[in-house]
PDB file of N, CA and C in Angstrom:
ATOM      1  N   UNK A   1      95.240 102.331  98.982  1.00  0.00           N
ATOM      2  CA  UNK A   1      95.782 103.787  99.243  1.00  0.00           C
ATOM      3  C   UNK A   1      97.345 103.854  99.170  1.00  0.00           C
ATOM      4  N   UNK A   2      97.815 104.742  98.367  1.00  0.00           N
ATOM      5  CA  UNK A   2      99.201 104.854  98.305  1.00  0.00           C
ATOM      6  C   UNK A   2      99.807 105.396  99.652  1.00  0.00           C
ATOM      7  N   UNK A   3     101.018 104.908 100.014  1.00  0.00           N
ATOM      8  CA  UNK A   3     101.726 105.395 101.154  1.00  0.00           C
ATOM      9  C   UNK A   3     103.055 105.873 100.646  1.00  0.00           C
ATOM     10  N   UNK A   4     103.321 107.149 100.676  1.00  0.00           N
ATOM     11  CA  UNK A   4     104.544 107.876 100.105  1.00  0.00           C
ATOM     12  C   UNK A   4     105.492 108.179 101.360  1.00  0.00           C
ATOM     13  N   UNK A   5     106.684 107.630 101.389  1.00  0.00           N
ATOM     14  CA  UNK A   5     107.660 107.809 102.362  1.00  0.00           C
ATOM     15  C   UNK A   5     108.345 109.141 102.034  1.00  0.00           C
ATOM     16  N   UNK A   6     107.871 110.152 102.628  1.00  0.00           N
ATOM     17  CA  UNK A   6     108.549 111.669 102.470  1.00  0.00           C
ATOM     18  C   UNK A   6     109.751 111.585 103.198  1.00  0.00           C
ATOM     19  N   UNK A   7     110.893 112.006 102.516  1.00  0.00           N
ATOM     20  CA  UNK A   7     112.268 112.277 103.240  1.00  0.00           C
ATOM     21  C   UNK A   7     112.421 113.043 104.410  1.00  0.00           C
ATOM     22  N   UNK A   8     111.400 114.039 104.517  1.00  0.00           N
ATOM     23  CA  UNK A   8     111.379 114.844 105.690  1.00  0.00           C
ATOM     24  C   UNK A   8     110.458 114.439 106.817  1.00  0.00           C
ATOM     25  N   UNK A   9     109.235 113.879 106.381  1.00  0.00           N
ATOM     26  CA  UNK A   9     108.080 113.604 107.417  1.00  0.00           C
ATOM     27  C   UNK A   9     107.816 112.212 107.645  1.00  0.00           C
ATOM     28  N   UNK A  10     108.476 111.283 106.801  1.00  0.00           N
ATOM     29  CA  UNK A  10     108.165 109.873 107.031  1.00  0.00           C
ATOM     30  C   UNK A  10     107.094 109.232 106.109  1.00  0.00           C
ATOM     31  N   UNK A  11     106.559 108.211 106.419  1.00  0.00           N
ATOM     32  CA  UNK A  11     105.510 107.418 105.524  1.00  0.00           C
ATOM     33  C   UNK A  11     104.283 108.345 105.896  1.00  0.00           C
ATOM     34  N   UNK A  12     103.584 108.682 104.862  1.00  0.00           N
ATOM     35  CA  UNK A  12     102.208 109.398 105.058  1.00  0.00           C
ATOM     36  C   UNK A  12     101.215 108.822 103.782  1.00  0.00           C
ATOM     37  N   UNK A  13      99.889 109.047 104.004  1.00  0.00           N
ATOM     38  CA  UNK A  13      98.997 108.634 103.174  1.00  0.00           C
ATOM     39  C   UNK A  13      99.000 109.678 101.740  1.00  0.00           C
ATOM     40  N   UNK A  14      98.730 109.100 100.723  1.00  0.00           N
ATOM     41  CA  UNK A  14      98.799 109.929  99.390  1.00  0.00           C
ATOM     42  C   UNK A  14      97.875 111.182  99.637  1.00  0.00           C
ATOM     43  N   UNK A  15      96.867 111.188 100.358  1.00  0.00           N
ATOM     44  CA  UNK A  15      95.883 112.316 100.485  1.00  0.00           C
ATOM     45  C   UNK A  15      96.575 113.598 101.069  1.00  0.00           C
ATOM     46  N   UNK A  16      97.809 113.429 101.602  1.00  0.00           N
ATOM     47  CA  UNK A  16      98.595 114.695 102.003  1.00  0.00           C
ATOM     48  C   UNK A  16      99.418 115.239 100.898  1.00  0.00           C
ATOM     49  N   UNK A  17      99.312 114.632  99.762  1.00  0.00           N
ATOM     50  CA  UNK A  17     100.157 115.040  98.686  1.00  0.00           C
ATOM     51  C   UNK A  17      99.318 115.538  97.537  1.00  0.00           C
ATOM     52  N   UNK A  18      99.940 116.310  96.652  1.00  0.00           N
ATOM     53  CA  UNK A  18      99.262 116.797  95.412  1.00  0.00           C
ATOM     54  C   UNK A  18     100.076 116.073  94.200  1.00  0.00           C
ATOM     55  N   UNK A  19      99.411 115.425  93.272  1.00  0.00           N
ATOM     56  CA  UNK A  19     100.066 114.917  92.086  1.00  0.00           C
ATOM     57  C   UNK A  19     100.656 116.203  91.134  1.00  0.00           C
ATOM     58  N   UNK A  20     101.747 116.137  90.748  1.00  0.00           N
ATOM     59  CA  UNK A  20     102.349 117.306  90.054  1.00  0.00           C
ATOM     60  C   UNK A  20     102.603 116.908  88.623  1.00  0.00           C
ATOM     61  N   UNK A  21     102.461 115.673  87.974  1.00  0.00           N
ATOM     62  CA  UNK A  21     102.726 115.362  86.668  1.00  0.00           C
ATOM     63  C   UNK A  21     103.990 114.497  86.496  1.00  0.00           C
ATOM     64  N   UNK A  22     104.107 114.354  85.193  1.00  0.00           N
ATOM     65  CA  UNK A  22     105.179 113.461  84.605  1.00  0.00           C
ATOM     66  C   UNK A  22     106.626 114.095  84.935  1.00  0.00           C
ATOM     67  N   UNK A  23     107.408 113.373  85.660  1.00  0.00           N
ATOM     68  CA  UNK A  23     108.806 114.016  85.977  1.00  0.00           C
ATOM     69  C   UNK A  23     109.847 113.630  84.922  1.00  0.00           C
ATOM     70  N   UNK A  24     109.457 112.864  83.786  1.00  0.00           N
ATOM     71  CA  UNK A  24     110.289 112.643  82.576  1.00  0.00           C
ATOM     72  C   UNK A  24     109.937 113.580  81.570  1.00  0.00           C
ATOM     73  N   UNK A  25     108.915 114.399  81.456  1.00  0.00           N
ATOM     74  CA  UNK A  25     108.656 115.401  80.412  1.00  0.00           C
ATOM     75  C   UNK A  25     109.741 116.418  80.582  1.00  0.00           C
ATOM     76  N   UNK A  26     110.264 116.732  79.311  1.00  0.00           N
ATOM     77  CA  UNK A  26     111.397 117.972  79.149  1.00  0.00           C
ATOM     78  C   UNK A  26     110.490 119.165  78.844  1.00  0.00           C
ATOM     79  N   UNK A  27     110.591 120.232  79.482  1.00  0.00           N
ATOM     80  CA  UNK A  27     110.006 121.459  79.258  1.00  0.00           C
ATOM     81  C   UNK A  27     110.874 122.208  78.102  1.00  0.00           C
ATOM     82  N   UNK A  28     110.092 122.721  77.246  1.00  0.00           N
ATOM     83  CA  UNK A  28     110.862 123.513  76.196  1.00  0.00           C
ATOM     84  C   UNK A  28     111.526 125.013  76.840  1.00  0.00           C
ATOM     85  N   UNK A  29     112.478 125.431  76.349  1.00  0.00           N
ATOM     86  CA  UNK A  29     112.818 126.538  76.858  1.00  0.00           C
ATOM     87  C   UNK A  29     111.866 127.855  76.718  1.00  0.00           C
ATOM     88  N   UNK A  30     111.850 128.675  77.724  1.00  0.00           N
ATOM     89  CA  UNK A  30     110.824 129.678  77.954  1.00  0.00           C
ATOM     90  C   UNK A  30     110.627 130.531  76.531  1.00  0.00           C
ATOM     91  N   UNK A  31     111.667 130.898  75.850  1.00  0.00           N
ATOM     92  CA  UNK A  31     111.847 131.566  74.690  1.00  0.00           C
ATOM     93  C   UNK A  31     111.507 130.753  73.435  1.00  0.00           C
ATOM     94  N   UNK A  32     111.154 129.509  73.454  1.00  0.00           N
ATOM     95  CA  UNK A  32     111.002 128.561  72.376  1.00  0.00           C
ATOM     96  C   UNK A  32     109.709 128.981  71.758  1.00  0.00           C
ATOM     97  N   UNK A  33     109.770 129.455  70.500  1.00  0.00           N
ATOM     98  CA  UNK A  33     108.427 129.791  69.721  1.00  0.00           C
ATOM     99  C   UNK A  33     107.688 128.705  69.194  1.00  0.00           C
ATOM    100  N   UNK A  34     108.344 127.485  69.028  1.00  0.00           N
ATOM    101  CA  UNK A  34     107.786 126.172  68.457  1.00  0.00           C
ATOM    102  C   UNK A  34     106.508 125.916  69.220  1.00  0.00           C
ATOM    103  N   UNK A  35     105.350 126.139  68.628  1.00  0.00           N
ATOM    104  CA  UNK A  35     104.080 125.811  69.357  1.00  0.00           C
ATOM    105  C   UNK A  35     103.983 124.409  69.330  1.00  0.00           C
ATOM    106  N   UNK A  36     104.494 123.592  68.419  1.00  0.00           N
ATOM    107  CA  UNK A  36     104.336 122.060  68.324  1.00  0.00           C
ATOM    108  C   UNK A  36     104.883 121.565  69.702  1.00  0.00           C
ATOM    109  N   UNK A  37     106.143 122.070  69.935  1.00  0.00           N
ATOM    110  CA  UNK A  37     106.957 121.507  71.035  1.00  0.00           C
ATOM    111  C   UNK A  37     106.169 121.818  72.301  1.00  0.00           C
ATOM    112  N   UNK A  38     105.635 123.091  72.320  1.00  0.00           N
ATOM    113  CA  UNK A  38     104.750 123.236  73.685  1.00  0.00           C
ATOM    114  C   UNK A  38     103.425 122.507  73.660  1.00  0.00           C
ATOM    115  N   UNK A  39     102.852 122.300  72.570  1.00  0.00           N
ATOM    116  CA  UNK A  39     101.539 121.417  72.501  1.00  0.00           C
ATOM    117  C   UNK A  39     102.017 120.020  73.016  1.00  0.00           C
ATOM    118  N   UNK A  40     102.958 119.342  72.614  1.00  0.00           N
ATOM    119  CA  UNK A  40     103.388 118.138  73.052  1.00  0.00           C
ATOM    120  C   UNK A  40     103.804 117.996  74.522  1.00  0.00           C
ATOM    121  N   UNK A  41     104.432 119.057  75.047  1.00  0.00           N
ATOM    122  CA  UNK A  41     104.900 119.107  76.359  1.00  0.00           C
ATOM    123  C   UNK A  41     103.564 119.313  77.240  1.00  0.00           C
ATOM    124  N   UNK A  42     102.653 120.061  77.012  1.00  0.00           N
ATOM    125  CA  UNK A  42     101.388 120.257  77.674  1.00  0.00           C
ATOM    126  C   UNK A  42     100.336 119.126  77.549  1.00  0.00           C
ATOM    127  N   UNK A  43     100.188 118.588  76.391  1.00  0.00           N
ATOM    128  CA  UNK A  43      99.114 117.851  76.106  1.00  0.00           C
ATOM    129  C   UNK A  43      99.309 116.162  75.867  1.00  0.00           C
ATOM    130  N   UNK A  44     100.329 116.012  75.241  1.00  0.00           N
ATOM    131  CA  UNK A  44     100.654 114.662  74.664  1.00  0.00           C
ATOM    132  C   UNK A  44     101.555 114.037  75.769  1.00  0.00           C
ATOM    133  N   UNK A  45     100.999 112.946  76.372  1.00  0.00           N
ATOM    134  CA  UNK A  45     101.742 112.138  77.445  1.00  0.00           C
ATOM    135  C   UNK A  45     101.644 110.571  77.003  1.00  0.00           C
ATOM    136  N   UNK A  46     102.816 109.925  77.325  1.00  0.00           N
ATOM    137  CA  UNK A  46     102.707 108.442  77.196  1.00  0.00           C
ATOM    138  C   UNK A  46     101.893 107.870  78.507  1.00  0.00           C
ATOM    139  N   UNK A  47     101.368 106.799  78.294  1.00  0.00           N
ATOM    140  CA  UNK A  47     100.737 105.987  79.437  1.00  0.00           C
ATOM    141  C   UNK A  47     101.528 104.916  79.648  1.00  0.00           C
ATOM    142  N   UNK A  48     102.628 104.991  80.376  1.00  0.00           N
ATOM    143  CA  UNK A  48     103.498 103.900  80.691  1.00  0.00           C
ATOM    144  C   UNK A  48     102.989 102.784  81.403  1.00  0.00           C
ATOM    145  N   UNK A  49     103.403 101.418  81.156  1.00  0.00           N
ATOM    146  CA  UNK A  49     103.060 100.354  81.990  1.00  0.00           C
ATOM    147  C   UNK A  49     104.468 100.090  82.712  1.00  0.00           C
ATOM    148  N   UNK A  50     104.295 100.012  84.150  1.00  0.00           N
ATOM    149  CA  UNK A  50     105.637  99.600  84.914  1.00  0.00           C
ATOM    150  C   UNK A  50     106.082 100.926  85.597  1.00  0.00           C
ATOM    151  N   UNK A  51     107.415 100.987  85.737  1.00  0.00           N
ATOM    152  CA  UNK A  51     107.954 102.060  86.586  1.00  0.00           C
ATOM    153  C   UNK A  51     107.852 103.421  85.694  1.00  0.00           C
ATOM    154  N   UNK A  52     107.493 104.466  86.520  1.00  0.00           N
ATOM    155  CA  UNK A  52     107.347 105.693  85.925  1.00  0.00           C
ATOM    156  C   UNK A  52     107.558 106.747  87.006  1.00  0.00           C
ATOM    157  N   UNK A  53     108.326 107.849  86.711  1.00  0.00           N
ATOM    158  CA  UNK A  53     108.721 108.904  87.708  1.00  0.00           C
ATOM    159  C   UNK A  53     107.767 110.185  87.507  1.00  0.00           C
ATOM    160  N   UNK A  54     107.245 110.459  88.887  1.00  0.00           N
ATOM    161  CA  UNK A  54     106.097 111.444  88.849  1.00  0.00           C
ATOM    162  C   UNK A  54     106.601 112.602  89.947  1.00  0.00           C
ATOM    163  N   UNK A  55     106.076 113.703  89.698  1.00  0.00           N
ATOM    164  CA  UNK A  55     106.218 114.794  90.780  1.00  0.00           C
ATOM    165  C   UNK A  55     105.084 114.695  91.721  1.00  0.00           C
ATOM    166  N   UNK A  56     105.344 114.880  92.958  1.00  0.00           N
ATOM    167  CA  UNK A  56     104.388 114.955  93.956  1.00  0.00           C
ATOM    168  C   UNK A  56     104.713 116.082  95.005  1.00  0.00           C
ATOM    169  N   UNK A  57     103.837 116.756  95.437  1.00  0.00           N
ATOM    170  CA  UNK A  57     104.259 117.884  96.502  1.00  0.00           C
ATOM    171  C   UNK A  57     103.495 117.493  97.824  1.00  0.00           C
ATOM    172  N   UNK A  58     104.156 117.547  98.913  1.00  0.00           N
ATOM    173  CA  UNK A  58     103.761 117.156 100.084  1.00  0.00           C
ATOM    174  C   UNK A  58     103.019 118.462 100.780  1.00  0.00           C
ATOM    175  N   UNK A  59     101.770 118.640 100.194  1.00  0.00           N
ATOM    176  CA  UNK A  59     101.043 120.006 100.629  1.00  0.00           C
ATOM    177  C   UNK A  59     100.562 120.004 102.063  1.00  0.00           C
ATOM    178  N   UNK A  60     100.382 118.905 102.733  1.00  0.00           N
ATOM    179  CA  UNK A  60      99.737 118.852 104.205  1.00  0.00           C
ATOM    180  C   UNK A  60     100.992 118.612 105.097  1.00  0.00           C
ATOM    181  N   UNK A  61     102.178 118.607 104.639  1.00  0.00           N
ATOM    182  CA  UNK A  61     103.404 118.408 105.438  1.00  0.00           C
ATOM    183  C   UNK A  61     104.562 119.495 105.336  1.00  0.00           C
ATOM    184  N   UNK A  62     105.675 119.019 104.684  1.00  0.00           N
ATOM    185  CA  UNK A  62     106.760 119.863 104.522  1.00  0.00           C
ATOM    186  C   UNK A  62     106.749 120.823 103.481  1.00  0.00           C
ATOM    187  N   UNK A  63     105.739 120.526 102.377  1.00  0.00           N
ATOM    188  CA  UNK A  63     105.681 121.247 101.103  1.00  0.00           C
ATOM    189  C   UNK A  63     106.708 121.120 100.194  1.00  0.00           C
ATOM    190  N   UNK A  64     107.553 120.125 100.433  1.00  0.00           N
ATOM    191  CA  UNK A  64     108.426 119.778  99.501  1.00  0.00           C
ATOM    192  C   UNK A  64     107.998 119.144  98.176  1.00  0.00           C
ATOM    193  N   UNK A  65     108.666 119.355  97.149  1.00  0.00           N
ATOM    194  CA  UNK A  65     108.413 118.596  95.828  1.00  0.00           C
ATOM    195  C   UNK A  65     109.349 117.573  95.790  1.00  0.00           C
ATOM    196  N   UNK A  66     108.623 116.327  95.353  1.00  0.00           N
ATOM    197  CA  UNK A  66     109.349 115.040  95.369  1.00  0.00           C
ATOM    198  C   UNK A  66     109.228 114.387  93.990  1.00  0.00           C
ATOM    199  N   UNK A  67     110.154 113.548  93.731  1.00  0.00           N
ATOM    200  CA  UNK A  67     110.062 112.618  92.492  1.00  0.00           C
ATOM    201  C   UNK A  67     109.776 111.303  93.054  1.00  0.00           C
ATOM    202  N   UNK A  68     108.731 110.686  92.690  1.00  0.00           N
ATOM    203  CA  UNK A  68     108.190 109.389  93.254  1.00  0.00           C
ATOM    204  C   UNK A  68     108.366 108.496  92.024  1.00  0.00           C
ATOM    205  N   UNK A  69     109.061 107.293  92.111  1.00  0.00           N
ATOM    206  CA  UNK A  69     109.101 106.279  91.241  1.00  0.00           C
ATOM    207  C   UNK A  69     108.178 105.170  91.502  1.00  0.00           C
ATOM    208  N   UNK A  70     107.119 104.999  90.800  1.00  0.00           N
ATOM    209  CA  UNK A  70     105.928 104.253  91.071  1.00  0.00           C
ATOM    210  C   UNK A  70     105.703 103.211  89.806  1.00  0.00           C
ATOM    211  N   UNK A  71     105.325 102.147  90.242  1.00  0.00           N
ATOM    212  CA  UNK A  71     104.900 101.104  89.332  1.00  0.00           C
ATOM    213  C   UNK A  71     103.440 101.326  88.832  1.00  0.00           C
ATOM    214  N   UNK A  72     103.008 101.681  87.657  1.00  0.00           N
ATOM    215  CA  UNK A  72     101.693 102.092  87.332  1.00  0.00           C
ATOM    216  C   UNK A  72     100.749 100.789  87.375  1.00  0.00           C
ATOM    217  N   UNK A  73     101.385  99.509  87.380  1.00  0.00           N
ATOM    218  CA  UNK A  73     100.579  98.512  87.368  1.00  0.00           C
ATOM    219  C   UNK A  73     100.231  98.011  88.834  1.00  0.00           C
ATOM    220  N   UNK A  74     101.146  98.024  89.785  1.00  0.00           N
ATOM    221  CA  UNK A  74     100.910  97.519  91.108  1.00  0.00           C
ATOM    222  C   UNK A  74     100.735  98.674  92.022  1.00  0.00           C
ATOM    223  N   UNK A  75     101.064  99.935  91.539  1.00  0.00           N
ATOM    224  CA  UNK A  75     101.116 101.179  92.334  1.00  0.00           C
ATOM    225  C   UNK A  75     102.018 101.160  93.693  1.00  0.00           C
ATOM    226  N   UNK A  76     102.997 100.100  93.455  1.00  0.00           N
ATOM    227  CA  UNK A  76     104.162 100.030  94.609  1.00  0.00           C
ATOM    228  C   UNK A  76     105.126 101.187  94.326  1.00  0.00           C
ATOM    229  N   UNK A  77     105.480 101.854  95.393  1.00  0.00           N
ATOM    230  CA  UNK A  77     106.490 102.808  95.242  1.00  0.00           C
ATOM    231  C   UNK A  77     107.871 102.376  95.482  1.00  0.00           C
ATOM    232  N   UNK A  78     108.740 102.638  94.387  1.00  0.00           N
ATOM    233  CA  UNK A  78     110.103 102.104  94.462  1.00  0.00           C
ATOM    234  C   UNK A  78     111.207 103.001  95.059  1.00  0.00           C
ATOM    235  N   UNK A  79     110.858 104.372  94.939  1.00  0.00           N
ATOM    236  CA  UNK A  79     111.799 105.353  95.357  1.00  0.00           C
ATOM    237  C   UNK A  79     111.198 106.660  95.652  1.00  0.00           C
ATOM    238  N   UNK A  80     111.604 107.488  96.404  1.00  0.00           N
ATOM    239  CA  UNK A  80     111.160 108.949  96.600  1.00  0.00           C
ATOM    240  C   UNK A  80     112.489 109.751  96.698  1.00  0.00           C
ATOM    241  N   UNK A  81     112.475 110.926  96.067  1.00  0.00           N
ATOM    242  CA  UNK A  81     113.695 111.687  96.404  1.00  0.00           C
ATOM    243  C   UNK A  81     113.155 113.161  96.127  1.00  0.00           C
ATOM    244  N   UNK A  82     113.973 114.158  96.636  1.00  0.00           N
ATOM    245  CA  UNK A  82     113.662 115.578  96.495  1.00  0.00           C
ATOM    246  C   UNK A  82     113.817 115.856  94.891  1.00  0.00           C
ATOM    247  N   UNK A  83     112.917 116.617  94.404  1.00  0.00           N
ATOM    248  CA  UNK A  83     112.929 116.968  93.066  1.00  0.00           C
ATOM    249  C   UNK A  83     114.050 117.989  92.639  1.00  0.00           C
ATOM    250  N   UNK A  84     114.471 118.647  93.681  1.00  0.00           N
ATOM    251  CA  UNK A  84     115.706 119.691  93.411  1.00  0.00           C
ATOM    252  C   UNK A  84     116.913 118.856  93.116  1.00  0.00           C
ATOM    253  N   UNK A  85     117.113 117.440  93.381  1.00  0.00           N
ATOM    254  CA  UNK A  85     118.081 116.684  93.118  1.00  0.00           C
ATOM    255  C   UNK A  85     117.986 115.890  91.906  1.00  0.00           C
ATOM    256  N   UNK A  86     116.868 116.125  91.127  1.00  0.00           N
ATOM    257  CA  UNK A  86     116.335 115.317  90.052  1.00  0.00           C
ATOM    258  C   UNK A  86     117.360 115.468  88.883  1.00  0.00           C
ATOM    259  N   UNK A  87     117.739 114.204  88.312  1.00  0.00           N
ATOM    260  CA  UNK A  87     118.632 114.069  87.125  1.00  0.00           C
ATOM    261  C   UNK A  87     117.782 113.257  86.152  1.00  0.00           C
ATOM    262  N   UNK A  88     117.727 113.871  85.013  1.00  0.00           N
ATOM    263  CA  UNK A  88     116.986 113.120  83.900  1.00  0.00           C
ATOM    264  C   UNK A  88     117.611 111.817  83.446  1.00  0.00           C
TER     265      UNK A  88
END
């Protein structure tokens, strides 16, 4: 089981959180008419091996959106930060 160290609530089981997707994906602009760009944003994802940044929301706690840096091989969590402070 993953244990995520929420900056507001402390260490909690992953069952209190909701996975929100890849935190490294760049969303196209709302007015971008390029369907290929939108297709790649919505459906095409890399399956990285090693460290990866993901969005998680603490739905059963503080409700904050977080960026979790997790190793996809060992599932160990290396860092957790608020998503509002995210820098690509």
